[in-house]
Protein backbone atom coordinates (compact mmCIF):
# COMPACT_ATOMS: atom_id res chain seq x y z
CA MET A 1 -125.37 134.66 101.30
CA ARG A 2 -124.25 134.83 104.90
CA LYS A 3 -124.78 137.79 107.22
CA LEU A 4 -121.73 140.03 107.43
CA THR A 5 -120.58 141.65 110.66
CA CYS A 6 -120.06 145.41 110.56
CA TYR A 7 -119.15 148.09 113.08
CA ALA A 8 -119.71 151.83 112.97
CA TRP A 9 -118.55 154.69 115.13
CA GLY A 10 -118.96 158.42 114.96
CA LYS A 11 -120.83 161.50 115.95
CA PRO A 12 -123.38 163.63 114.11
CA GLY A 13 -122.02 164.56 110.69
CA ASP A 14 -119.02 162.21 110.84
CA TRP A 15 -119.45 158.44 110.81
CA GLU A 16 -117.17 155.58 109.75
CA ALA A 17 -117.94 151.90 109.37
CA ILE A 18 -116.23 148.69 108.36
CA CYS A 19 -117.37 145.28 107.25
CA VAL A 20 -114.84 143.10 109.05
CA ASP A 21 -115.71 140.03 106.99
CA PHE A 22 -114.32 141.66 103.81
CA ASP A 23 -112.28 144.55 105.26
CA ILE A 24 -114.43 147.14 103.43
CA PRO A 25 -114.79 150.65 104.91
CA ALA A 26 -117.36 153.41 104.38
CA GLN A 27 -118.05 156.95 105.57
CA GLY A 28 -121.24 158.93 106.02
CA ALA A 29 -122.87 161.83 107.83
CA SER A 30 -125.17 159.64 109.95
CA LEU A 31 -125.42 156.05 111.16
CA ASP A 32 -128.16 155.34 108.62
CA GLU A 33 -126.11 156.83 105.80
CA VAL A 34 -122.95 154.93 106.69
CA ARG A 35 -124.96 151.70 106.90
CA ARG A 36 -126.35 152.30 103.40
CA GLU A 37 -122.93 153.25 102.02
CA LEU A 38 -121.35 150.14 103.51
CA ALA A 39 -124.12 147.88 102.19
CA ASP A 40 -123.64 149.42 98.72
CA ALA A 41 -119.85 148.96 98.96
CA VAL A 42 -120.29 145.30 99.93
CA ASP A 43 -122.70 144.70 97.04
CA THR A 44 -120.31 146.39 94.60
CA TYR A 45 -117.40 144.31 95.94
CA LEU A 46 -119.38 141.08 95.59
CA ASP A 47 -120.45 142.01 92.04
CA TYR A 48 -116.79 142.56 91.17
CA VAL A 49 -115.75 139.24 92.74
CA SER A 50 -118.54 137.35 90.93
CA ASP A 51 -117.04 138.48 87.60
CA LEU A 52 -113.63 137.02 88.45
CA PRO A 53 -112.58 133.52 87.44
CA GLU A 54 -113.63 130.96 90.05
CA SER A 55 -109.99 130.22 90.78
CA GLU A 56 -109.53 133.82 92.04
CA GLN A 57 -112.84 134.28 93.89
CA SER A 58 -111.84 132.38 97.03
CA ALA A 59 -109.06 134.81 97.90
CA PHE A 60 -111.46 137.74 97.70
CA LEU A 61 -114.28 136.01 99.58
CA ASN A 62 -111.97 135.11 102.48
CA ARG A 63 -110.35 138.53 102.96
CA LYS A 64 -111.06 139.59 106.55
CA ALA A 65 -109.98 142.65 108.47
CA PRO A 66 -106.91 142.02 110.66
CA LEU A 67 -107.65 139.94 113.74
CA SER A 68 -106.49 142.70 116.09
CA LEU A 69 -109.01 145.12 114.57
CA ARG A 70 -111.85 142.55 114.69
CA LEU A 71 -111.13 141.81 118.35
CA ARG A 72 -110.85 145.49 119.31
CA LEU A 73 -114.11 146.42 117.60
CA SER A 74 -115.93 143.46 119.11
CA LEU A 75 -114.70 144.32 122.58
CA GLU A 76 -115.57 148.01 122.22
CA SER A 77 -119.04 147.11 120.95
CA SER A 78 -119.63 144.73 123.87
CA ILE A 79 -118.49 147.35 126.40
CA ALA A 80 -120.74 149.98 124.82
CA ARG A 81 -123.75 147.60 125.04
CA ILE A 82 -123.00 146.83 128.70
CA PHE A 83 -122.64 150.52 129.56
CA SER A 84 -125.88 151.26 127.74
CA ALA A 85 -127.71 148.47 129.59
CA LEU A 86 -126.40 149.82 132.91
CA ARG A 87 -127.44 153.31 131.80
CA LEU A 88 -123.91 154.51 131.98
CA THR A 89 -122.51 156.62 129.18
CA SER A 90 -121.81 154.60 126.02
CA GLU A 91 -119.65 157.32 124.55
CA SER A 92 -115.88 157.28 124.52
CA ARG A 93 -114.11 160.41 123.39
CA GLY A 94 -117.48 161.70 122.15
CA LEU A 95 -118.02 158.73 119.83
CA THR A 96 -121.11 156.59 119.57
CA ARG A 97 -120.59 152.97 118.53
CA ALA A 98 -122.83 150.45 116.78
CA ARG A 99 -122.62 146.85 115.61
CA PHE A 100 -124.87 145.66 112.80
CA LEU A 101 -125.23 143.01 110.14
CA VAL A 102 -125.29 143.46 106.39
CA ILE A 103 -127.04 140.90 104.20
CA PRO A 104 -125.69 141.31 100.67
CA THR A 105 -128.17 141.45 97.81
CA ALA A 106 -125.58 140.29 95.27
């Protein structure tokens, strides 16, 4: 299975994440928790899709988040990495941002 691109943002106690390759969201209290929750959600989604008839699977396996959201998250993630490398603040409105990959187990 391919690696799936995911983004997370939040602050202590309140994190959100999305897998933009399947438009699947998750919430958690920490970055680690939201990563685990999102990985579990992706695995559950793929298990569900694998039980569908092959004629229906393609639609579910090619369901991406809207392009405008994917572009915005990619840009925000890049800016945060640049600011971090320059040792400038990487927080916007008190939020920390992260980009990570999920490799499904399903």
